[in-house]
Amino acid sequence: MDKINMSLFLIFCLFGSVYGYETNSKPSGQKDIPDTWCIAKPNAPQDKLQGFINYACGEVDCGVVQPGGQCYDPNTVLSHASYVLDLIYIYRKSCNPDIGIITTVDPSYGDCKYP
């Protein structure tokens, strides 16, 4: 009886490990909550936005807000922070409440498409 219980326990542990690995993988660009974006608060301090950009670009690819990128223009801290906040929103599944806000209005413009 103890061998059966131990076997079942090990099977459930293995299943839990495999299931946890599958569900905690990095994002594929798909959001858990469709049609929502995290953008910078218009009144957020510029230094906090810039600090967030500096930090976040070490976590995600910020090439799209670099010179030549589809979202470089307008070349403002607010615009770049909005895009980077959304990247982190996808990656971490949370919006920084100090400088970001959730919106249901797609912030994409021109060739700049938010994920």
PDB file of N, CA and C in Angstrom:
ATOM      1  N   MET A   1       0.827  -1.185   0.000  1.00  0.00           N
ATOM      2  CA  MET A   1       0.000   0.000   0.000  1.00  0.00           C
ATOM      3  C   MET A   1       0.877   1.257   0.000  1.00  0.00           C
ATOM      4  N   ASP A   2       1.936   1.278   0.843  1.00  0.00           N
ATOM      5  CA  ASP A   2       2.831   2.432   0.880  1.00  0.00           C
ATOM      6  C   ASP A   2       3.549   2.628  -0.448  1.00  0.00           C
ATOM      7  N   LYS A   3       3.872   1.526  -1.136  1.00  0.00           N
ATOM      8  CA  LYS A   3       4.547   1.631  -2.433  1.00  0.00           C
ATOM      9  C   LYS A   3       3.627   2.264  -3.460  1.00  0.00           C
ATOM     10  N   ILE A   4       2.338   1.928  -3.413  1.00  0.00           N
ATOM     11  CA  ILE A   4       1.364   2.510  -4.342  1.00  0.00           C
ATOM     12  C   ILE A   4       1.212   3.999  -4.068  1.00  0.00           C
ATOM     13  N   ASN A   5       1.084   4.374  -2.788  1.00  0.00           N
ATOM     14  CA  ASN A   5       0.955   5.791  -2.436  1.00  0.00           C
ATOM     15  C   ASN A   5       2.194   6.576  -2.856  1.00  0.00           C
ATOM     16  N   MET A   6       3.384   5.987  -2.643  1.00  0.00           N
ATOM     17  CA  MET A   6       4.616   6.662  -3.034  1.00  0.00           C
ATOM     18  C   MET A   6       4.684   6.789  -4.546  1.00  0.00           C
ATOM     19  N   SER A   7       4.262   5.781  -5.275  1.00  0.00           N
ATOM     20  CA  SER A   7       4.263   5.829  -6.737  1.00  0.00           C
ATOM     21  C   SER A   7       3.323   6.921  -7.232  1.00  0.00           C
ATOM     22  N   LEU A   8       2.134   6.988  -6.655  1.00  0.00           N
ATOM     23  CA  LEU A   8       1.182   8.030  -7.047  1.00  0.00           C
ATOM     24  C   LEU A   8       1.737   9.412  -6.716  1.00  0.00           C
ATOM     25  N   PHE A   9       2.353   9.526  -5.564  1.00  0.00           N
ATOM     26  CA  PHE A   9       2.946  10.799  -5.175  1.00  0.00           C
ATOM     27  C   PHE A   9       3.997  11.237  -6.190  1.00  0.00           C
ATOM     28  N   LEU A  10       4.878  10.310  -6.588  1.00  0.00           N
ATOM     29  CA  LEU A  10       5.924  10.636  -7.548  1.00  0.00           C
ATOM     30  C   LEU A  10       5.345  11.002  -8.913  1.00  0.00           C
ATOM     31  N   ILE A  11       4.306  10.319  -9.331  1.00  0.00           N
ATOM     32  CA  ILE A  11       3.653  10.628 -10.610  1.00  0.00           C
ATOM     33  C   ILE A  11       3.067  12.030 -10.571  1.00  0.00           C
ATOM     34  N   PHE A  12       2.387  12.376  -9.472  1.00  0.00           N
ATOM     35  CA  PHE A  12       1.805  13.717  -9.353  1.00  0.00           C
ATOM     36  C   PHE A  12       2.891  14.788  -9.300  1.00  0.00           C
ATOM     37  N   CYS A  13       4.011  14.500  -8.632  1.00  0.00           N
ATOM     38  CA  CYS A  13       5.114  15.460  -8.588  1.00  0.00           C
ATOM     39  C   CYS A  13       5.682  15.685  -9.982  1.00  0.00           C
ATOM     40  N   LEU A  14       5.852  14.600 -10.733  1.00  0.00           N
ATOM     41  CA  LEU A  14       6.360  14.699 -12.096  1.00  0.00           C
ATOM     42  C   LEU A  14       5.388  15.486 -12.957  1.00  0.00           C
ATOM     43  N   PHE A  15       4.107  15.172 -12.855  1.00  0.00           N
ATOM     44  CA  PHE A  15       3.088  15.888 -13.626  1.00  0.00           C
ATOM     45  C   PHE A  15       3.104  17.371 -13.270  1.00  0.00           C
ATOM     46  N   GLY A  16       3.195  17.679 -11.986  1.00  0.00           N
ATOM     47  CA  GLY A  16       3.224  19.074 -11.552  1.00  0.00           C
ATOM     48  C   GLY A  16       4.446  19.809 -12.080  1.00  0.00           C
ATOM     49  N   SER A  17       5.588  19.144 -12.104  1.00  0.00           N
ATOM     50  CA  SER A  17       6.801  19.770 -12.623  1.00  0.00           C
ATOM     51  C   SER A  17       6.685  20.043 -14.104  1.00  0.00           C
ATOM     52  N   VAL A  18       6.195  19.083 -14.860  1.00  0.00           N
ATOM     53  CA  VAL A  18       6.034  19.254 -16.302  1.00  0.00           C
ATOM     54  C   VAL A  18       4.990  20.323 -16.577  1.00  0.00           C
ATOM     55  N   TYR A  19       3.868  20.301 -15.876  1.00  0.00           N
ATOM     56  CA  TYR A  19       2.815  21.290 -16.075  1.00  0.00           C
ATOM     57  C   TYR A  19       3.327  22.684 -15.716  1.00  0.00           C
ATOM     58  N   GLY A  20       4.052  22.810 -14.615  1.00  0.00           N
ATOM     59  CA  GLY A  20       4.601  24.100 -14.211  1.00  0.00           C
ATOM     60  C   GLY A  20       5.598  24.620 -15.224  1.00  0.00           C
ATOM     61  N   TYR A  21       6.430  23.755 -15.785  1.00  0.00           N
ATOM     62  CA  TYR A  21       7.404  24.160 -16.791  1.00  0.00           C
ATOM     63  C   TYR A  21       6.688  24.676 -18.027  1.00  0.00           C
ATOM     64  N   GLU A  22       5.658  23.982 -18.462  1.00  0.00           N
ATOM     65  CA  GLU A  22       4.925  24.380 -19.661  1.00  0.00           C
ATOM     66  C   GLU A  22       4.207  25.702 -19.469  1.00  0.00           C
ATOM     67  N   THR A  23       3.598  25.940 -18.313  1.00  0.00           N
ATOM     68  CA  THR A  23       2.801  27.144 -18.121  1.00  0.00           C
ATOM     69  C   THR A  23       3.632  28.349 -17.715  1.00  0.00           C
ATOM     70  N   ASN A  24       4.873  28.146 -17.290  1.00  0.00           N
ATOM     71  CA  ASN A  24       5.709  29.269 -16.880  1.00  0.00           C
ATOM     72  C   ASN A  24       6.760  29.618 -17.926  1.00  0.00           C
ATOM     73  N   SER A  25       6.558  29.188 -19.155  1.00  0.00           N
ATOM     74  CA  SER A  25       7.525  29.511 -20.193  1.00  0.00           C
ATOM     75  C   SER A  25       7.411  30.977 -20.569  1.00  0.00           C
ATOM     76  N   LYS A  26       8.425  31.513 -21.255  1.00  0.00           N
ATOM     77  CA  LYS A  26       8.423  32.919 -21.650  1.00  0.00           C
ATOM     78  C   LYS A  26       7.294  33.173 -22.638  1.00  0.00           C
ATOM     79  N   PRO A  27       6.823  34.403 -22.681  1.00  0.00           N
ATOM     80  CA  PRO A  27       5.682  34.714 -23.531  1.00  0.00           C
ATOM     81  C   PRO A  27       6.012  34.597 -25.003  1.00  0.00           C
ATOM     82  N   SER A  28       4.999  34.287 -25.776  1.00  0.00           N
ATOM     83  CA  SER A  28       5.157  34.185 -27.217  1.00  0.00           C
ATOM     84  C   SER A  28       4.575  35.406 -27.901  1.00  0.00           C
ATOM     85  N   GLY A  29       4.366  36.476 -27.142  1.00  0.00           N
ATOM     86  CA  GLY A  29       3.767  37.671 -27.705  1.00  0.00           C
ATOM     87  C   GLY A  29       2.267  37.692 -27.542  1.00  0.00           C
ATOM     88  N   GLN A  30       1.712  36.659 -26.946  1.00  0.00           N
ATOM     89  CA  GLN A  30       0.275  36.590 -26.718  1.00  0.00           C
ATOM     90  C   GLN A  30      -0.014  36.987 -25.279  1.00  0.00           C
ATOM     91  N   LYS A  31      -1.033  37.769 -25.099  1.00  0.00           N
ATOM     92  CA  LYS A  31      -1.408  38.202 -23.756  1.00  0.00           C
ATOM     93  C   LYS A  31      -2.450  37.260 -23.176  1.00  0.00           C
ATOM     94  N   ASP A  32      -2.407  37.123 -21.848  1.00  0.00           N
ATOM     95  CA  ASP A  32      -3.432  36.343 -21.170  1.00  0.00           C
ATOM     96  C   ASP A  32      -4.771  37.055 -21.230  1.00  0.00           C
ATOM     97  N   ILE A  33      -4.722  38.381 -21.169  1.00  0.00           N
ATOM     98  CA  ILE A  33      -5.941  39.185 -21.231  1.00  0.00           C
ATOM     99  C   ILE A  33      -5.894  39.935 -22.557  1.00  0.00           C
ATOM    100  N   PRO A  34      -6.632  39.482 -23.557  1.00  0.00           N
ATOM    101  CA  PRO A  34      -6.557  40.135 -24.861  1.00  0.00           C
ATOM    102  C   PRO A  34      -7.131  41.548 -24.817  1.00  0.00           C
ATOM    103  N   ASP A  35      -6.661  42.369 -25.736  1.00  0.00           N
ATOM    104  CA  ASP A  35      -7.173  43.726 -25.910  1.00  0.00           C
ATOM    105  C   ASP A  35      -6.955  44.626 -24.704  1.00  0.00           C
ATOM    106  N   THR A  36      -5.851  44.433 -23.998  1.00  0.00           N
ATOM    107  CA  THR A  36      -5.443  45.360 -22.947  1.00  0.00           C
ATOM    108  C   THR A  36      -3.962  45.653 -23.143  1.00  0.00           C
ATOM    109  N   TRP A  37      -3.572  46.854 -22.795  1.00  0.00           N
ATOM    110  CA  TRP A  37      -2.193  47.288 -22.909  1.00  0.00           C
ATOM    111  C   TRP A  37      -1.825  48.065 -21.656  1.00  0.00           C
ATOM    112  N   CYS A  38      -0.554  48.053 -21.321  1.00  0.00           N
ATOM    113  CA  CYS A  38      -0.032  48.860 -20.216  1.00  0.00           C
ATOM    114  C   CYS A  38       0.756  49.999 -20.847  1.00  0.00           C
ATOM    115  N   ILE A  39       0.346  51.225 -20.571  1.00  0.00           N
ATOM    116  CA  ILE A  39       1.032  52.392 -21.120  1.00  0.00           C
ATOM    117  C   ILE A  39       1.433  53.330 -19.986  1.00  0.00           C
ATOM    118  N   ALA A  40       2.328  54.260 -20.291  1.00  0.00           N
ATOM    119  CA  ALA A  40       2.802  55.213 -19.292  1.00  0.00           C
ATOM    120  C   ALA A  40       1.706  56.207 -18.931  1.00  0.00           C
ATOM    121  N   LYS A  41       1.640  56.523 -17.648  1.00  0.00           N
ATOM    122  CA  LYS A  41       0.731  57.583 -17.197  1.00  0.00           C
ATOM    123  C   LYS A  41       1.272  58.909 -17.728  1.00  0.00           C
ATOM    124  N   PRO A  42       0.413  59.736 -18.304  1.00  0.00           N
ATOM    125  CA  PRO A  42       0.884  61.013 -18.863  1.00  0.00           C
ATOM    126  C   PRO A  42       1.566  61.917 -17.835  1.00  0.00           C
ATOM    127  N   ASN A  43       1.188  61.793 -16.567  1.00  0.00           N
ATOM    128  CA  ASN A  43       1.766  62.648 -15.528  1.00  0.00           C
ATOM    129  C   ASN A  43       2.900  61.975 -14.754  1.00  0.00           C
ATOM    130  N   ALA A  44       3.367  60.821 -15.229  1.00  0.00           N
ATOM    131  CA  ALA A  44       4.465  60.124 -14.543  1.00  0.00           C
ATOM    132  C   ALA A  44       5.753  60.953 -14.690  1.00  0.00           C
ATOM    133  N   PRO A  45       6.538  61.027 -13.631  1.00  0.00           N
ATOM    134  CA  PRO A  45       7.799  61.783 -13.706  1.00  0.00           C
ATOM    135  C   PRO A  45       8.746  61.208 -14.771  1.00  0.00           C
ATOM    136  N   GLN A  46       9.330  62.102 -15.564  1.00  0.00           N
ATOM    137  CA  GLN A  46      10.232  61.686 -16.647  1.00  0.00           C
ATOM    138  C   GLN A  46      11.402  60.838 -16.140  1.00  0.00           C
ATOM    139  N   ASP A  47      11.938  61.182 -14.969  1.00  0.00           N
ATOM    140  CA  ASP A  47      13.076  60.426 -14.455  1.00  0.00           C
ATOM    141  C   ASP A  47      12.687  58.995 -14.087  1.00  0.00           C
ATOM    142  N   LYS A  48      11.471  58.807 -13.580  1.00  0.00           N
ATOM    143  CA  LYS A  48      11.000  57.454 -13.255  1.00  0.00           C
ATOM    144  C   LYS A  48      10.756  56.652 -14.535  1.00  0.00           C
ATOM    145  N   LEU A  49      10.200  57.301 -15.552  1.00  0.00           N
ATOM    146  CA  LEU A  49       9.981  56.629 -16.833  1.00  0.00           C
ATOM    147  C   LEU A  49      11.314  56.218 -17.455  1.00  0.00           C
ATOM    148  N   GLN A  50      12.278  57.122 -17.452  1.00  0.00           N
ATOM    149  CA  GLN A  50      13.592  56.811 -18.024  1.00  0.00           C
ATOM    150  C   GLN A  50      14.280  55.696 -17.238  1.00  0.00           C
ATOM    151  N   GLY A  51      14.163  55.740 -15.922  1.00  0.00           N
ATOM    152  CA  GLY A  51      14.731  54.679 -15.096  1.00  0.00           C
ATOM    153  C   GLY A  51      14.105  53.327 -15.411  1.00  0.00           C
ATOM    154  N   PHE A  52      12.787  53.329 -15.639  1.00  0.00           N
ATOM    155  CA  PHE A  52      12.110  52.085 -15.987  1.00  0.00           C
ATOM    156  C   PHE A  52      12.594  51.574 -17.342  1.00  0.00           C
ATOM    157  N   ILE A  53      12.727  52.471 -18.310  1.00  0.00           N
ATOM    158  CA  ILE A  53      13.220  52.072 -19.631  1.00  0.00           C
ATOM    159  C   ILE A  53      14.602  51.437 -19.491  1.00  0.00           C
ATOM    160  N   ASN A  54      15.482  52.091 -18.750  1.00  0.00           N
ATOM    161  CA  ASN A  54      16.848  51.574 -18.568  1.00  0.00           C
ATOM    162  C   ASN A  54      16.836  50.180 -17.950  1.00  0.00           C
ATOM    163  N   TYR A  55      15.994  49.993 -16.931  1.00  0.00           N
ATOM    164  CA  TYR A  55      15.888  48.685 -16.277  1.00  0.00           C
ATOM    165  C   TYR A  55      15.277  47.647 -17.220  1.00  0.00           C
ATOM    166  N   ALA A  56      14.137  47.984 -17.798  1.00  0.00           N
ATOM    167  CA  ALA A  56      13.372  47.014 -18.583  1.00  0.00           C
ATOM    168  C   ALA A  56      14.116  46.562 -19.831  1.00  0.00           C
ATOM    169  N   CYS A  57      14.892  47.452 -20.428  1.00  0.00           N
ATOM    170  CA  CYS A  57      15.605  47.074 -21.653  1.00  0.00           C
ATOM    171  C   CYS A  57      16.722  46.073 -21.377  1.00  0.00           C
ATOM    172  N   GLY A  58      17.014  45.821 -20.122  1.00  0.00           N
ATOM    173  CA  GLY A  58      17.899  44.733 -19.745  1.00  0.00           C
ATOM    174  C   GLY A  58      17.156  43.408 -19.662  1.00  0.00           C
ATOM    175  N   GLU A  59      15.817  43.481 -19.640  1.00  0.00           N
ATOM    176  CA  GLU A  59      14.963  42.288 -19.534  1.00  0.00           C
ATOM    177  C   GLU A  59      14.332  41.887 -20.864  1.00  0.00           C
ATOM    178  N   VAL A  60      13.994  42.872 -21.680  1.00  0.00           N
ATOM    179  CA  VAL A  60      13.296  42.618 -22.950  1.00  0.00           C
ATOM    180  C   VAL A  60      14.027  43.334 -24.079  1.00  0.00           C
ATOM    181  N   ASP A  61      13.722  42.970 -25.302  1.00  0.00           N
ATOM    182  CA  ASP A  61      14.328  43.584 -26.484  1.00  0.00           C
ATOM    183  C   ASP A  61      13.638  44.916 -26.770  1.00  0.00           C
ATOM    184  N   CYS A  62      14.373  45.989 -26.637  1.00  0.00           N
ATOM    185  CA  CYS A  62      13.832  47.336 -26.840  1.00  0.00           C
ATOM    186  C   CYS A  62      14.227  47.924 -28.192  1.00  0.00           C
ATOM    187  N   GLY A  63      14.649  47.092 -29.105  1.00  0.00           N
ATOM    188  CA  GLY A  63      15.093  47.569 -30.413  1.00  0.00           C
ATOM    189  C   GLY A  63      14.065  48.413 -31.145  1.00  0.00           C
ATOM    190  N   VAL A  64      12.805  48.145 -30.918  1.00  0.00           N
ATOM    191  CA  VAL A  64      11.742  48.860 -31.628  1.00  0.00           C
ATOM    192  C   VAL A  64      11.665  50.336 -31.218  1.00  0.00           C
ATOM    193  N   VAL A  65      12.190  50.695 -30.031  1.00  0.00           N
ATOM    194  CA  VAL A  65      12.186  52.101 -29.603  1.00  0.00           C
ATOM    195  C   VAL A  65      13.574  52.733 -29.736  1.00  0.00           C
ATOM    196  N   GLN A  66      14.497  52.027 -30.344  1.00  0.00           N
ATOM    197  CA  GLN A  66      15.834  52.555 -30.619  1.00  0.00           C
ATOM    198  C   GLN A  66      15.817  53.266 -31.979  1.00  0.00           C
ATOM    199  N   PRO A  67      16.799  54.138 -32.245  1.00  0.00           N
ATOM    200  CA  PRO A  67      16.837  54.816 -33.554  1.00  0.00           C
ATOM    201  C   PRO A  67      16.700  53.825 -34.705  1.00  0.00           C
ATOM    202  N   GLY A  68      15.793  54.119 -35.616  1.00  0.00           N
ATOM    203  CA  GLY A  68      15.519  53.237 -36.747  1.00  0.00           C
ATOM    204  C   GLY A  68      14.402  52.239 -36.484  1.00  0.00           C
ATOM    205  N   GLY A  69      14.000  52.087 -35.213  1.00  0.00           N
ATOM    206  CA  GLY A  69      12.923  51.159 -34.863  1.00  0.00           C
ATOM    207  C   GLY A  69      11.556  51.719 -35.227  1.00  0.00           C
ATOM    208  N   GLN A  70      10.581  50.840 -35.378  1.00  0.00           N
ATOM    209  CA  GLN A  70       9.234  51.244 -35.794  1.00  0.00           C
ATOM    210  C   GLN A  70       8.567  52.185 -34.798  1.00  0.00           C
ATOM    211  N   CYS A  71       8.972  52.158 -33.532  1.00  0.00           N
ATOM    212  CA  CYS A  71       8.335  52.989 -32.508  1.00  0.00           C
ATOM    213  C   CYS A  71       9.279  54.043 -31.933  1.00  0.00           C
ATOM    214  N   TYR A  72      10.346  54.360 -32.656  1.00  0.00           N
ATOM    215  CA  TYR A  72      11.285  55.374 -32.179  1.00  0.00           C
ATOM    216  C   TYR A  72      10.647  56.763 -32.176  1.00  0.00           C
ATOM    217  N   ASP A  73       9.894  57.063 -33.218  1.00  0.00           N
ATOM    218  CA  ASP A  73       9.195  58.353 -33.293  1.00  0.00           C
ATOM    219  C   ASP A  73       7.775  58.206 -32.795  1.00  0.00           C
ATOM    220  N   PRO A  74       7.269  59.098 -31.984  1.00  0.00           N
ATOM    221  CA  PRO A  74       7.979  60.279 -31.517  1.00  0.00           C
ATOM    222  C   PRO A  74       9.060  59.913 -30.499  1.00  0.00           C
ATOM    223  N   ASN A  75      10.160  60.589 -30.598  1.00  0.00           N
ATOM    224  CA  ASN A  75      11.312  60.331 -29.736  1.00  0.00           C
ATOM    225  C   ASN A  75      11.109  61.045 -28.402  1.00  0.00           C
ATOM    226  N   THR A  76      10.193  60.492 -27.593  1.00  0.00           N
ATOM    227  CA  THR A  76       9.930  61.047 -26.268  1.00  0.00           C
ATOM    228  C   THR A  76      10.035  59.933 -25.231  1.00  0.00           C
ATOM    229  N   VAL A  77      10.364  60.313 -24.029  1.00  0.00           N
ATOM    230  CA  VAL A  77      10.449  59.344 -22.938  1.00  0.00           C
ATOM    231  C   VAL A  77       9.075  58.720 -22.709  1.00  0.00           C
ATOM    232  N   LEU A  78       8.022  59.518 -22.758  1.00  0.00           N
ATOM    233  CA  LEU A  78       6.665  59.009 -22.531  1.00  0.00           C
ATOM    234  C   LEU A  78       6.294  57.944 -23.563  1.00  0.00           C
ATOM    235  N   SER A  79       6.569  58.217 -24.819  1.00  0.00           N
ATOM    236  CA  SER A  79       6.238  57.269 -25.883  1.00  0.00           C
ATOM    237  C   SER A  79       7.042  55.975 -25.748  1.00  0.00           C
ATOM    238  N   HIS A  80       8.343  56.108 -25.544  1.00  0.00           N
ATOM    239  CA  HIS A  80       9.193  54.921 -25.414  1.00  0.00           C
ATOM    240  C   HIS A  80       8.831  54.119 -24.164  1.00  0.00           C
ATOM    241  N   ALA A  81       8.542  54.812 -23.068  1.00  0.00           N
ATOM    242  CA  ALA A  81       8.166  54.127 -21.830  1.00  0.00           C
ATOM    243  C   ALA A  81       6.857  53.362 -22.010  1.00  0.00           C
ATOM    244  N   SER A  82       5.929  53.925 -22.756  1.00  0.00           N
ATOM    245  CA  SER A  82       4.652  53.239 -22.980  1.00  0.00           C
ATOM    246  C   SER A  82       4.874  51.909 -23.677  1.00  0.00           C
ATOM    247  N   TYR A  83       5.699  51.908 -24.721  1.00  0.00           N
ATOM    248  CA  TYR A  83       5.943  50.666 -25.446  1.00  0.00           C
ATOM    249  C   TYR A  83       6.664  49.655 -24.558  1.00  0.00           C
ATOM    250  N   VAL A  84       7.670  50.116 -23.831  1.00  0.00           N
ATOM    251  CA  VAL A  84       8.447  49.222 -22.972  1.00  0.00           C
ATOM    252  C   VAL A  84       7.593  48.702 -21.817  1.00  0.00           C
ATOM    253  N   LEU A  85       6.737  49.540 -21.259  1.00  0.00           N
ATOM    254  CA  LEU A  85       5.812  49.075 -20.213  1.00  0.00           C
ATOM    255  C   LEU A  85       4.943  47.935 -20.732  1.00  0.00           C
ATOM    256  N   ASP A  86       4.490  48.052 -21.973  1.00  0.00           N
ATOM    257  CA  ASP A  86       3.646  46.996 -22.528  1.00  0.00           C
ATOM    258  C   ASP A  86       4.438  45.705 -22.746  1.00  0.00           C
ATOM    259  N   LEU A  87       5.688  45.833 -23.162  1.00  0.00           N
ATOM    260  CA  LEU A  87       6.529  44.631 -23.297  1.00  0.00           C
ATOM    261  C   LEU A  87       6.662  43.912 -21.958  1.00  0.00           C
ATOM    262  N   ILE A  88       6.908  44.687 -20.912  1.00  0.00           N
ATOM    263  CA  ILE A  88       7.034  44.097 -19.577  1.00  0.00           C
ATOM    264  C   ILE A  88       5.687  43.549 -19.109  1.00  0.00           C
ATOM    265  N   TYR A  89       4.606  44.206 -19.482  1.00  0.00           N
ATOM    266  CA  TYR A  89       3.253  43.727 -19.155  1.00  0.00           C
ATOM    267  C   TYR A  89       3.040  42.325 -19.716  1.00  0.00           C
ATOM    268  N   ILE A  90       3.517  42.104 -20.906  1.00  0.00           N
ATOM    269  CA  ILE A  90       3.410  40.772 -21.509  1.00  0.00           C
ATOM    270  C   ILE A  90       4.354  39.797 -20.806  1.00  0.00           C
ATOM    271  N   TYR A  91       5.582  40.230 -20.581  1.00  0.00           N
ATOM    272  CA  TYR A  91       6.618  39.372 -20.006  1.00  0.00           C
ATOM    273  C   TYR A  91       6.327  38.989 -18.556  1.00  0.00           C
ATOM    274  N   ARG A  92       5.945  39.950 -17.744  1.00  0.00           N
ATOM    275  CA  ARG A  92       5.724  39.718 -16.315  1.00  0.00           C
ATOM    276  C   ARG A  92       4.254  39.581 -15.936  1.00  0.00           C
ATOM    277  N   LYS A  93       3.387  39.905 -16.866  1.00  0.00           N
ATOM    278  CA  LYS A  93       1.935  39.837 -16.638  1.00  0.00           C
ATOM    279  C   LYS A  93       1.478  40.804 -15.548  1.00  0.00           C
ATOM    280  N   SER A  94       2.171  41.941 -15.472  1.00  0.00           N
ATOM    281  CA  SER A  94       1.748  42.982 -14.536  1.00  0.00           C
ATOM    282  C   SER A  94       2.172  44.335 -15.086  1.00  0.00           C
ATOM    283  N   CYS A  95       1.392  45.348 -14.745  1.00  0.00           N
ATOM    284  CA  CYS A  95       1.644  46.718 -15.170  1.00  0.00           C
ATOM    285  C   CYS A  95       2.160  47.494 -13.964  1.00  0.00           C
ATOM    286  N   ASN A  96       3.277  48.169 -14.098  1.00  0.00           N
ATOM    287  CA  ASN A  96       3.861  48.932 -13.000  1.00  0.00           C
ATOM    288  C   ASN A  96       2.882  50.022 -12.579  1.00  0.00           C
ATOM    289  N   PRO A  97       2.277  49.920 -11.394  1.00  0.00           N
ATOM    290  CA  PRO A  97       1.233  50.868 -10.988  1.00  0.00           C
ATOM    291  C   PRO A  97       1.747  52.276 -10.687  1.00  0.00           C
ATOM    292  N   ASP A  98       3.041  52.427 -10.466  1.00  0.00           N
ATOM    293  CA  ASP A  98       3.589  53.748 -10.174  1.00  0.00           C
ATOM    294  C   ASP A  98       3.644  54.638 -11.416  1.00  0.00           C
ATOM    295  N   ILE A  99       3.922  54.025 -12.559  1.00  0.00           N
ATOM    296  CA  ILE A  99       4.092  54.821 -13.777  1.00  0.00           C
ATOM    297  C   ILE A  99       3.216  54.377 -14.936  1.00  0.00           C
ATOM    298  N   GLY A 100       2.516  53.239 -14.771  1.00  0.00           N
ATOM    299  CA  GLY A 100       1.729  52.701 -15.873  1.00  0.00           C
ATOM    300  C   GLY A 100       0.257  52.570 -15.544  1.00  0.00           C
ATOM    301  N   ILE A 101      -0.525  52.454 -16.583  1.00  0.00           N
ATOM    302  CA  ILE A 101      -1.972  52.284 -16.453  1.00  0.00           C
ATOM    303  C   ILE A 101      -2.442  51.324 -17.548  1.00  0.00           C
ATOM    304  N   ILE A 102      -3.434  50.503 -17.218  1.00  0.00           N
ATOM    305  CA  ILE A 102      -4.012  49.569 -18.189  1.00  0.00           C
ATOM    306  C   ILE A 102      -5.032  50.325 -19.047  1.00  0.00           C
ATOM    307  N   THR A 103      -4.987  50.063 -20.340  1.00  0.00           N
ATOM    308  CA  THR A 103      -5.966  50.658 -21.249  1.00  0.00           C
ATOM    309  C   THR A 103      -6.548  49.573 -22.150  1.00  0.00           C
ATOM    310  N   THR A 104      -7.756  49.820 -22.618  1.00  0.00           N
ATOM    311  CA  THR A 104      -8.386  48.920 -23.584  1.00  0.00           C
ATOM    312  C   THR A 104      -8.363  49.539 -24.980  1.00  0.00           C
ATOM    313  N   VAL A 105      -7.749  50.711 -25.093  1.00  0.00           N
ATOM    314  CA  VAL A 105      -7.602  51.381 -26.390  1.00  0.00           C
ATOM    315  C   VAL A 105      -6.217  51.062 -26.931  1.00  0.00           C
ATOM    316  N   ASP A 106      -6.168  50.446 -28.094  1.00  0.00           N
ATOM    317  CA  ASP A 106      -4.896  50.049 -28.699  1.00  0.00           C
ATOM    318  C   ASP A 106      -4.038  51.295 -28.947  1.00  0.00           C
ATOM    319  N   PRO A 107      -2.854  51.374 -28.313  1.00  0.00           N
ATOM    320  CA  PRO A 107      -2.002  52.548 -28.477  1.00  0.00           C
ATOM    321  C   PRO A 107      -1.148  52.532 -29.757  1.00  0.00           C
ATOM    322  N   SER A 108      -1.311  51.519 -30.593  1.00  0.00           N
ATOM    323  CA  SER A 108      -0.541  51.432 -31.832  1.00  0.00           C
ATOM    324  C   SER A 108      -0.808  52.645 -32.714  1.00  0.00           C
ATOM    325  N   TYR A 109       0.205  53.028 -33.502  1.00  0.00           N
ATOM    326  CA  TYR A 109       0.059  54.148 -34.435  1.00  0.00           C
ATOM    327  C   TYR A 109       1.001  53.925 -35.611  1.00  0.00           C
ATOM    328  N   GLY A 110       0.578  54.313 -36.786  1.00  0.00           N
ATOM    329  CA  GLY A 110       1.412  54.161 -37.981  1.00  0.00           C
ATOM    330  C   GLY A 110       1.998  52.768 -38.079  1.00  0.00           C
ATOM    331  N   ASP A 111       3.338  52.718 -38.238  1.00  0.00           N
ATOM    332  CA  ASP A 111       4.038  51.427 -38.316  1.00  0.00           C
ATOM    333  C   ASP A 111       4.352  50.856 -36.937  1.00  0.00           C
ATOM    334  N   CYS A 112       4.070  51.599 -35.890  1.00  0.00           N
ATOM    335  CA  CYS A 112       4.340  51.132 -34.520  1.00  0.00           C
ATOM    336  C   CYS A 112       3.150  50.335 -34.014  1.00  0.00           C
ATOM    337  N   LYS A 113       3.330  49.036 -33.974  1.00  0.00           N
ATOM    338  CA  LYS A 113       2.254  48.133 -33.529  1.00  0.00           C
ATOM    339  C   LYS A 113       2.607  47.573 -32.163  1.00  0.00           C
ATOM    340  N   TYR A 114       1.764  47.865 -31.193  1.00  0.00           N
ATOM    341  CA  TYR A 114       1.975  47.318 -29.859  1.00  0.00           C
ATOM    342  C   TYR A 114       1.578  45.843 -29.874  1.00  0.00           C
ATOM    343  N   PRO A 115       2.324  45.033 -29.111  1.00  0.00           N
ATOM    344  CA  PRO A 115       1.999  43.583 -29.089  1.00  0.00           C
ATOM    345  C   PRO A 115       0.659  43.308 -28.416  1.00  0.00           C
TER     346      PRO A 115
END
